[in-house]
């Protein structure tokens, strides 16, 4: 992929059948050299239980400190949507998403919080980060309450 040639933004793209097929794109960071945090929130993320095929729902919060590249948001939306028919455990989905973003955008730092709604009465929250946060980076709370009817 030519990093200056976005293939999805501004075009009619219907989505992808799986995360492996999805194209996650990046764009040049116009604030390169400035330490800041960007946040994506996906409160309606869905995937499938790999055993039962039943839907699983999560509220994802993705924080990252861009370096040379930004995550292109339409491609991220389509990538996250590709999990809708994908069977994987909560831990696998959450960590795989974080790792894929790091692979594509090469940020200074990334963390992802996967706040999963309960299945069988137990919510599973999954957290992953690429390493220690850069010194001086403002790290706001992810804003998702511990489970009490998550909303």
N, C-alpha and C. Protein backbone atom coordinates (compact mmCIF):
# COMPACT_ATOMS: atom_id res chain seq x y z
N UNK A 1 0.84 -1.19 0.00
CA UNK A 1 0.00 0.00 0.00
C UNK A 1 0.88 1.24 0.00
N UNK A 2 0.62 2.14 -0.92
CA UNK A 2 1.28 3.45 -0.94
C UNK A 2 0.66 4.27 0.19
N UNK A 3 1.49 4.71 1.14
CA UNK A 3 0.98 5.37 2.33
C UNK A 3 0.31 6.72 2.06
N UNK A 4 0.51 7.27 0.89
CA UNK A 4 -0.14 8.53 0.58
C UNK A 4 -1.37 8.31 -0.30
N UNK A 5 -1.67 7.09 -0.62
CA UNK A 5 -2.79 6.74 -1.47
C UNK A 5 -3.80 5.93 -0.67
N UNK A 6 -4.73 6.60 -0.02
CA UNK A 6 -5.74 5.91 0.77
C UNK A 6 -6.75 5.27 -0.18
N UNK A 7 -7.11 4.02 0.09
CA UNK A 7 -7.97 3.27 -0.82
C UNK A 7 -9.43 3.22 -0.38
N UNK A 8 -9.74 3.69 0.84
CA UNK A 8 -11.10 3.56 1.34
C UNK A 8 -11.78 4.89 1.62
N UNK A 9 -11.03 5.87 2.10
CA UNK A 9 -11.59 7.16 2.46
C UNK A 9 -12.17 7.83 1.22
N UNK A 10 -13.43 8.25 1.31
CA UNK A 10 -14.08 8.91 0.20
C UNK A 10 -14.59 7.96 -0.87
N UNK A 11 -14.51 6.67 -0.61
CA UNK A 11 -14.97 5.67 -1.58
C UNK A 11 -16.03 4.78 -0.94
N UNK A 12 -16.83 4.16 -1.78
CA UNK A 12 -17.85 3.22 -1.32
C UNK A 12 -17.18 1.87 -1.06
N UNK A 13 -17.01 1.55 0.23
CA UNK A 13 -16.39 0.29 0.62
C UNK A 13 -17.39 -0.44 1.50
N UNK A 14 -17.72 -1.65 1.14
CA UNK A 14 -18.78 -2.40 1.82
C UNK A 14 -18.32 -3.16 3.05
N UNK A 15 -17.06 -3.21 3.32
CA UNK A 15 -16.58 -3.94 4.49
C UNK A 15 -15.87 -5.21 4.10
N UNK A 16 -15.46 -5.95 5.11
CA UNK A 16 -14.64 -7.13 4.90
C UNK A 16 -15.22 -8.31 5.67
N UNK A 17 -15.02 -9.50 5.15
CA UNK A 17 -15.58 -10.71 5.76
C UNK A 17 -14.82 -11.15 7.01
N UNK A 18 -13.57 -10.73 7.15
CA UNK A 18 -12.78 -11.14 8.31
C UNK A 18 -11.69 -10.11 8.60
N UNK A 19 -11.17 -10.12 9.83
CA UNK A 19 -10.07 -9.19 10.15
C UNK A 19 -8.83 -9.42 9.28
N UNK A 20 -8.58 -10.65 8.88
CA UNK A 20 -7.41 -10.93 8.04
C UNK A 20 -7.53 -10.28 6.66
N UNK A 21 -8.77 -10.14 6.16
CA UNK A 21 -8.99 -9.53 4.85
C UNK A 21 -9.05 -8.00 4.93
N UNK A 22 -9.36 -7.47 6.10
CA UNK A 22 -9.56 -6.02 6.25
C UNK A 22 -8.26 -5.26 6.02
N UNK A 23 -8.40 -4.10 5.39
CA UNK A 23 -7.27 -3.24 5.10
C UNK A 23 -7.28 -2.09 6.10
N UNK A 24 -6.28 -2.04 6.97
CA UNK A 24 -6.14 -0.95 7.92
C UNK A 24 -5.11 0.02 7.35
N UNK A 25 -5.51 1.28 7.20
CA UNK A 25 -4.64 2.25 6.53
C UNK A 25 -4.13 3.32 7.50
N UNK A 26 -3.09 3.99 7.05
CA UNK A 26 -2.50 5.07 7.83
C UNK A 26 -2.34 6.29 6.93
N UNK A 27 -2.25 7.44 7.58
CA UNK A 27 -2.06 8.71 6.87
C UNK A 27 -0.95 9.48 7.58
N UNK A 28 -0.24 10.34 6.87
CA UNK A 28 0.83 11.11 7.50
C UNK A 28 0.30 11.97 8.65
N UNK A 29 1.06 12.04 9.72
CA UNK A 29 0.71 12.84 10.89
C UNK A 29 1.13 14.29 10.65
N UNK A 30 0.16 15.21 10.53
CA UNK A 30 0.53 16.60 10.31
C UNK A 30 1.14 17.27 11.54
N UNK A 31 1.06 16.62 12.70
CA UNK A 31 1.65 17.15 13.93
C UNK A 31 2.85 16.30 14.36
N UNK A 32 3.54 15.74 13.39
CA UNK A 32 4.72 14.92 13.66
C UNK A 32 5.69 15.68 14.56
N UNK A 33 6.19 15.00 15.59
CA UNK A 33 7.13 15.62 16.51
C UNK A 33 6.45 16.22 17.74
N UNK A 34 5.12 16.27 17.75
CA UNK A 34 4.37 16.78 18.90
C UNK A 34 3.82 15.58 19.67
N UNK A 35 4.06 15.55 20.98
CA UNK A 35 3.57 14.45 21.80
C UNK A 35 2.11 14.71 22.17
N UNK A 36 1.22 13.86 21.69
CA UNK A 36 -0.20 13.98 22.03
C UNK A 36 -0.85 12.61 21.96
N UNK A 37 -2.04 12.54 22.53
CA UNK A 37 -2.79 11.29 22.57
C UNK A 37 -4.04 11.43 21.71
N UNK A 38 -4.30 10.43 20.89
CA UNK A 38 -5.54 10.37 20.10
C UNK A 38 -6.33 9.16 20.61
N UNK A 39 -7.66 9.31 20.63
CA UNK A 39 -8.51 8.24 21.17
C UNK A 39 -9.60 7.88 20.17
N UNK A 40 -9.76 6.57 19.99
CA UNK A 40 -10.90 6.03 19.26
C UNK A 40 -11.75 5.26 20.27
N UNK A 41 -13.05 5.46 20.22
CA UNK A 41 -13.97 4.75 21.10
C UNK A 41 -14.97 4.01 20.22
N UNK A 42 -15.11 2.71 20.46
CA UNK A 42 -16.05 1.88 19.71
C UNK A 42 -16.99 1.22 20.71
N UNK A 43 -18.09 1.90 21.08
CA UNK A 43 -18.97 1.37 22.13
C UNK A 43 -19.87 0.24 21.68
N UNK A 44 -19.88 -0.09 20.39
CA UNK A 44 -20.76 -1.14 19.88
C UNK A 44 -19.99 -2.22 19.13
N UNK A 45 -18.80 -2.53 19.59
CA UNK A 45 -17.98 -3.57 18.94
C UNK A 45 -18.63 -4.94 19.14
N UNK A 46 -18.61 -5.74 18.09
CA UNK A 46 -19.15 -7.11 18.20
C UNK A 46 -18.22 -8.10 17.53
N UNK A 47 -18.22 -9.31 18.09
CA UNK A 47 -17.54 -10.46 17.50
C UNK A 47 -18.39 -11.67 17.87
N UNK A 48 -17.89 -12.85 17.56
CA UNK A 48 -18.61 -14.07 17.88
C UNK A 48 -17.81 -14.94 18.83
N UNK A 49 -18.50 -15.63 19.73
CA UNK A 49 -17.85 -16.63 20.56
C UNK A 49 -17.36 -17.74 19.64
N UNK A 50 -16.09 -18.14 19.74
CA UNK A 50 -15.58 -19.16 18.83
C UNK A 50 -16.14 -20.56 19.10
N UNK A 51 -16.76 -20.75 20.26
CA UNK A 51 -17.30 -22.06 20.61
C UNK A 51 -18.78 -22.16 20.28
N UNK A 52 -19.56 -21.17 20.72
CA UNK A 52 -21.02 -21.23 20.55
C UNK A 52 -21.53 -20.50 19.32
N UNK A 53 -20.73 -19.57 18.78
CA UNK A 53 -21.18 -18.75 17.66
C UNK A 53 -22.11 -17.63 18.07
N UNK A 54 -22.33 -17.48 19.38
CA UNK A 54 -23.20 -16.41 19.89
C UNK A 54 -22.45 -15.07 19.83
N UNK A 55 -23.18 -13.97 19.68
CA UNK A 55 -22.51 -12.66 19.61
C UNK A 55 -21.95 -12.23 20.96
N UNK A 56 -20.82 -11.57 20.90
CA UNK A 56 -20.19 -10.94 22.06
C UNK A 56 -20.11 -9.45 21.76
N UNK A 57 -20.28 -8.64 22.80
CA UNK A 57 -20.31 -7.19 22.65
C UNK A 57 -19.28 -6.55 23.57
N UNK A 58 -18.64 -5.50 23.08
CA UNK A 58 -17.64 -4.81 23.88
C UNK A 58 -17.69 -3.31 23.60
N UNK A 59 -17.17 -2.58 24.56
CA UNK A 59 -16.90 -1.14 24.43
C UNK A 59 -15.38 -1.05 24.37
N UNK A 60 -14.84 -0.71 23.21
CA UNK A 60 -13.39 -0.60 23.05
C UNK A 60 -12.97 0.85 23.16
N UNK A 61 -11.85 1.07 23.86
CA UNK A 61 -11.23 2.40 23.92
C UNK A 61 -9.77 2.21 23.51
N UNK A 62 -9.39 2.89 22.43
CA UNK A 62 -8.04 2.78 21.87
C UNK A 62 -7.38 4.14 21.99
N UNK A 63 -6.32 4.22 22.77
CA UNK A 63 -5.54 5.44 22.94
C UNK A 63 -4.18 5.21 22.30
N UNK A 64 -3.71 6.19 21.52
CA UNK A 64 -2.36 6.06 20.97
C UNK A 64 -1.70 7.41 20.83
N UNK A 65 -0.38 7.38 20.90
CA UNK A 65 0.45 8.58 20.69
C UNK A 65 1.08 8.43 19.31
N UNK A 66 0.57 9.17 18.31
CA UNK A 66 1.09 9.02 16.95
C UNK A 66 2.55 9.46 16.84
N UNK A 67 3.25 8.83 15.95
CA UNK A 67 4.61 9.24 15.58
C UNK A 67 4.51 9.86 14.18
N UNK A 68 4.95 9.14 13.16
CA UNK A 68 4.91 9.64 11.79
C UNK A 68 3.54 9.48 11.13
N UNK A 69 2.73 8.55 11.68
CA UNK A 69 1.48 8.17 11.02
C UNK A 69 0.28 8.26 11.95
N UNK A 70 -0.88 8.52 11.34
CA UNK A 70 -2.17 8.44 12.03
C UNK A 70 -2.89 7.19 11.55
N UNK A 71 -3.76 6.66 12.38
CA UNK A 71 -4.65 5.59 11.95
C UNK A 71 -5.78 6.26 11.18
N UNK A 72 -6.02 5.82 9.96
CA UNK A 72 -7.10 6.40 9.17
C UNK A 72 -8.42 5.84 9.70
N UNK A 73 -9.30 6.72 10.14
CA UNK A 73 -10.47 6.30 10.93
C UNK A 73 -11.50 5.47 10.15
N UNK A 74 -11.72 5.76 8.88
CA UNK A 74 -12.68 4.93 8.13
C UNK A 74 -12.18 3.50 8.02
N UNK A 75 -10.89 3.35 7.74
CA UNK A 75 -10.35 2.00 7.63
C UNK A 75 -10.39 1.29 8.99
N UNK A 76 -10.23 2.04 10.08
CA UNK A 76 -10.35 1.43 11.41
C UNK A 76 -11.78 0.97 11.64
N UNK A 77 -12.75 1.79 11.27
CA UNK A 77 -14.15 1.40 11.43
C UNK A 77 -14.44 0.12 10.66
N UNK A 78 -13.96 0.04 9.43
CA UNK A 78 -14.19 -1.16 8.62
C UNK A 78 -13.44 -2.37 9.18
N UNK A 79 -12.24 -2.14 9.69
CA UNK A 79 -11.47 -3.22 10.32
C UNK A 79 -12.22 -3.75 11.54
N UNK A 80 -12.67 -2.85 12.41
CA UNK A 80 -13.41 -3.30 13.60
C UNK A 80 -14.70 -4.01 13.21
N UNK A 81 -15.37 -3.52 12.17
CA UNK A 81 -16.59 -4.17 11.70
C UNK A 81 -16.36 -5.57 11.15
N UNK A 82 -15.14 -5.84 10.71
CA UNK A 82 -14.83 -7.17 10.15
C UNK A 82 -14.84 -8.26 11.21
N UNK A 83 -14.87 -7.87 12.48
CA UNK A 83 -14.93 -8.85 13.57
C UNK A 83 -16.35 -9.35 13.80
N UNK A 84 -17.33 -8.71 13.19
CA UNK A 84 -18.73 -9.03 13.44
C UNK A 84 -19.05 -10.51 13.23
N UNK A 85 -18.45 -11.14 12.25
CA UNK A 85 -18.67 -12.57 11.98
C UNK A 85 -17.44 -13.41 12.27
N UNK A 86 -16.55 -12.87 13.07
CA UNK A 86 -15.27 -13.52 13.39
C UNK A 86 -15.37 -14.17 14.77
N UNK A 87 -15.03 -15.42 14.85
CA UNK A 87 -15.05 -16.13 16.12
C UNK A 87 -13.71 -16.06 16.81
N UNK A 88 -13.67 -15.45 17.99
CA UNK A 88 -12.44 -15.37 18.78
C UNK A 88 -12.80 -15.00 20.21
N UNK A 89 -11.97 -15.44 21.14
CA UNK A 89 -12.18 -15.08 22.54
C UNK A 89 -11.90 -13.59 22.74
N UNK A 90 -12.47 -13.04 23.81
CA UNK A 90 -12.33 -11.62 24.11
C UNK A 90 -10.86 -11.19 24.14
N UNK A 91 -10.05 -11.99 24.80
CA UNK A 91 -8.63 -11.65 24.95
C UNK A 91 -7.95 -11.57 23.58
N UNK A 92 -8.27 -12.53 22.71
CA UNK A 92 -7.65 -12.56 21.38
C UNK A 92 -8.07 -11.35 20.56
N UNK A 93 -9.37 -11.03 20.56
CA UNK A 93 -9.84 -9.87 19.79
C UNK A 93 -9.15 -8.60 20.25
N UNK A 94 -9.14 -8.35 21.55
CA UNK A 94 -8.61 -7.10 22.09
C UNK A 94 -7.13 -6.94 21.77
N UNK A 95 -6.35 -7.96 22.06
CA UNK A 95 -4.90 -7.87 21.84
C UNK A 95 -4.58 -7.83 20.35
N UNK A 96 -5.30 -8.61 19.54
CA UNK A 96 -5.04 -8.61 18.09
C UNK A 96 -5.29 -7.23 17.48
N UNK A 97 -6.33 -6.55 17.92
CA UNK A 97 -6.63 -5.21 17.41
C UNK A 97 -5.49 -4.26 17.77
N UNK A 98 -5.07 -4.27 19.02
CA UNK A 98 -3.96 -3.40 19.43
C UNK A 98 -2.69 -3.67 18.66
N UNK A 99 -2.36 -4.94 18.50
CA UNK A 99 -1.12 -5.30 17.78
C UNK A 99 -1.19 -4.91 16.31
N UNK A 100 -2.36 -5.08 15.70
CA UNK A 100 -2.49 -4.73 14.27
C UNK A 100 -2.32 -3.23 14.07
N UNK A 101 -2.90 -2.43 14.95
CA UNK A 101 -2.75 -0.98 14.83
C UNK A 101 -1.28 -0.58 14.99
N UNK A 102 -0.61 -1.19 15.95
CA UNK A 102 0.82 -0.90 16.16
C UNK A 102 1.62 -1.28 14.91
N UNK A 103 1.31 -2.42 14.33
CA UNK A 103 2.02 -2.88 13.13
C UNK A 103 1.86 -1.89 11.98
N UNK A 104 0.65 -1.37 11.79
CA UNK A 104 0.36 -0.50 10.65
C UNK A 104 0.82 0.94 10.90
N UNK A 105 0.43 1.51 12.03
CA UNK A 105 0.67 2.94 12.27
C UNK A 105 1.98 3.25 12.98
N UNK A 106 2.58 2.25 13.60
CA UNK A 106 3.86 2.42 14.30
C UNK A 106 3.85 3.63 15.24
N UNK A 107 2.88 3.68 16.16
CA UNK A 107 2.81 4.82 17.08
C UNK A 107 3.93 4.77 18.11
N UNK A 108 4.13 5.90 18.79
CA UNK A 108 5.07 5.92 19.91
C UNK A 108 4.59 4.99 21.02
N UNK A 109 3.27 4.91 21.16
CA UNK A 109 2.67 4.13 22.24
C UNK A 109 1.21 3.90 21.94
N UNK A 110 0.68 2.77 22.39
CA UNK A 110 -0.74 2.46 22.23
C UNK A 110 -1.21 1.65 23.42
N UNK A 111 -2.46 1.91 23.83
CA UNK A 111 -3.14 1.04 24.80
C UNK A 111 -4.55 0.83 24.30
N UNK A 112 -5.08 -0.35 24.60
CA UNK A 112 -6.45 -0.65 24.25
C UNK A 112 -7.13 -1.26 25.47
N UNK A 113 -8.32 -0.78 25.75
CA UNK A 113 -9.16 -1.36 26.79
C UNK A 113 -10.35 -2.00 26.13
N UNK A 114 -10.53 -3.29 26.35
CA UNK A 114 -11.70 -4.01 25.84
C UNK A 114 -12.62 -4.28 27.02
N UNK A 115 -13.71 -3.56 27.09
CA UNK A 115 -14.67 -3.69 28.19
C UNK A 115 -15.83 -4.54 27.66
N UNK A 116 -15.77 -5.83 27.92
CA UNK A 116 -16.71 -6.79 27.34
C UNK A 116 -17.93 -6.95 28.24
N UNK A 117 -19.08 -6.98 27.60
CA UNK A 117 -20.33 -7.20 28.33
C UNK A 117 -20.38 -8.66 28.77
N UNK A 118 -21.12 -8.95 29.85
CA UNK A 118 -21.07 -10.30 30.41
C UNK A 118 -21.65 -11.37 29.50
N UNK A 119 -21.03 -12.53 29.60
CA UNK A 119 -21.55 -13.78 29.03
C UNK A 119 -21.52 -14.75 30.17
N UNK A 120 -22.61 -15.39 30.44
CA UNK A 120 -22.65 -16.31 31.57
C UNK A 120 -22.51 -15.59 32.90
N UNK A 121 -22.86 -14.31 32.94
CA UNK A 121 -22.82 -13.55 34.18
C UNK A 121 -21.47 -12.95 34.53
N UNK A 122 -20.45 -13.11 33.67
CA UNK A 122 -19.11 -12.61 34.00
C UNK A 122 -18.62 -11.68 32.89
N UNK A 123 -18.43 -10.39 33.20
CA UNK A 123 -17.79 -9.53 32.21
C UNK A 123 -16.29 -9.79 32.21
N UNK A 124 -15.70 -9.71 31.05
CA UNK A 124 -14.25 -9.89 30.92
C UNK A 124 -13.69 -8.61 30.33
N UNK A 125 -12.86 -7.92 31.09
CA UNK A 125 -12.19 -6.72 30.60
C UNK A 125 -10.75 -7.08 30.26
N UNK A 126 -10.31 -6.64 29.09
CA UNK A 126 -8.98 -7.00 28.59
C UNK A 126 -8.22 -5.71 28.28
N UNK A 127 -7.00 -5.61 28.78
CA UNK A 127 -6.18 -4.41 28.58
C UNK A 127 -4.81 -4.81 28.02
N UNK A 128 -4.35 -4.05 27.04
CA UNK A 128 -3.03 -4.30 26.46
C UNK A 128 -2.42 -2.97 26.09
N UNK A 129 -1.11 -2.88 26.25
CA UNK A 129 -0.40 -1.69 25.77
C UNK A 129 0.91 -2.11 25.16
N UNK A 130 1.42 -1.26 24.28
CA UNK A 130 2.62 -1.59 23.52
C UNK A 130 3.90 -1.45 24.34
N UNK A 131 3.83 -0.85 25.50
CA UNK A 131 5.00 -0.63 26.35
C UNK A 131 4.70 0.53 27.29
N UNK A 132 5.71 1.02 27.97
CA UNK A 132 5.48 2.16 28.86
C UNK A 132 5.09 3.41 28.06
N UNK A 133 4.21 4.21 28.64
CA UNK A 133 3.81 5.46 27.99
C UNK A 133 4.98 6.44 27.97
N UNK A 134 5.09 7.21 26.90
CA UNK A 134 6.16 8.22 26.86
C UNK A 134 6.01 9.22 28.01
N UNK A 135 7.12 9.62 28.56
CA UNK A 135 7.10 10.59 29.65
C UNK A 135 6.48 11.89 29.16
N UNK A 136 5.56 12.43 29.96
CA UNK A 136 4.91 13.68 29.63
C UNK A 136 3.62 13.52 28.84
N UNK A 137 3.27 12.29 28.45
CA UNK A 137 2.03 12.08 27.70
C UNK A 137 0.85 12.11 28.66
N UNK A 138 -0.15 12.92 28.36
CA UNK A 138 -1.35 12.99 29.19
C UNK A 138 -2.17 11.74 28.95
N UNK A 139 -2.44 11.00 30.02
CA UNK A 139 -3.19 9.75 29.93
C UNK A 139 -4.52 9.90 30.66
N UNK A 140 -5.55 10.37 29.97
CA UNK A 140 -6.85 10.48 30.62
C UNK A 140 -7.41 9.10 30.93
N UNK A 141 -8.27 9.05 31.92
CA UNK A 141 -8.98 7.82 32.24
C UNK A 141 -9.78 7.39 31.01
N UNK A 142 -9.92 6.09 30.83
CA UNK A 142 -10.65 5.64 29.64
C UNK A 142 -12.15 5.87 29.75
N UNK A 143 -12.64 6.20 30.93
CA UNK A 143 -14.02 6.65 31.06
C UNK A 143 -15.08 5.57 31.05
N UNK A 144 -14.67 4.32 31.20
CA UNK A 144 -15.66 3.23 31.23
C UNK A 144 -15.70 2.71 32.66
N UNK A 145 -16.87 2.77 33.24
CA UNK A 145 -17.02 2.35 34.64
C UNK A 145 -16.84 0.85 34.79
N UNK A 146 -16.37 0.41 35.97
CA UNK A 146 -16.37 -1.03 36.22
C UNK A 146 -17.79 -1.54 36.05
N UNK A 147 -17.93 -2.80 35.76
CA UNK A 147 -19.23 -3.33 35.39
C UNK A 147 -20.31 -3.13 36.45
N UNK A 148 -21.35 -2.46 36.09
CA UNK A 148 -22.61 -2.35 36.85
C UNK A 148 -23.66 -1.98 35.82
N UNK A 149 -23.91 -2.89 34.90
CA UNK A 149 -24.83 -2.60 33.81
C UNK A 149 -24.17 -1.69 32.81
N UNK A 150 -22.97 -2.01 32.44
CA UNK A 150 -22.11 -1.19 31.57
C UNK A 150 -22.92 -0.35 30.60
N UNK A 151 -22.54 0.91 30.49
CA UNK A 151 -23.25 1.77 29.55
C UNK A 151 -22.47 2.96 29.16
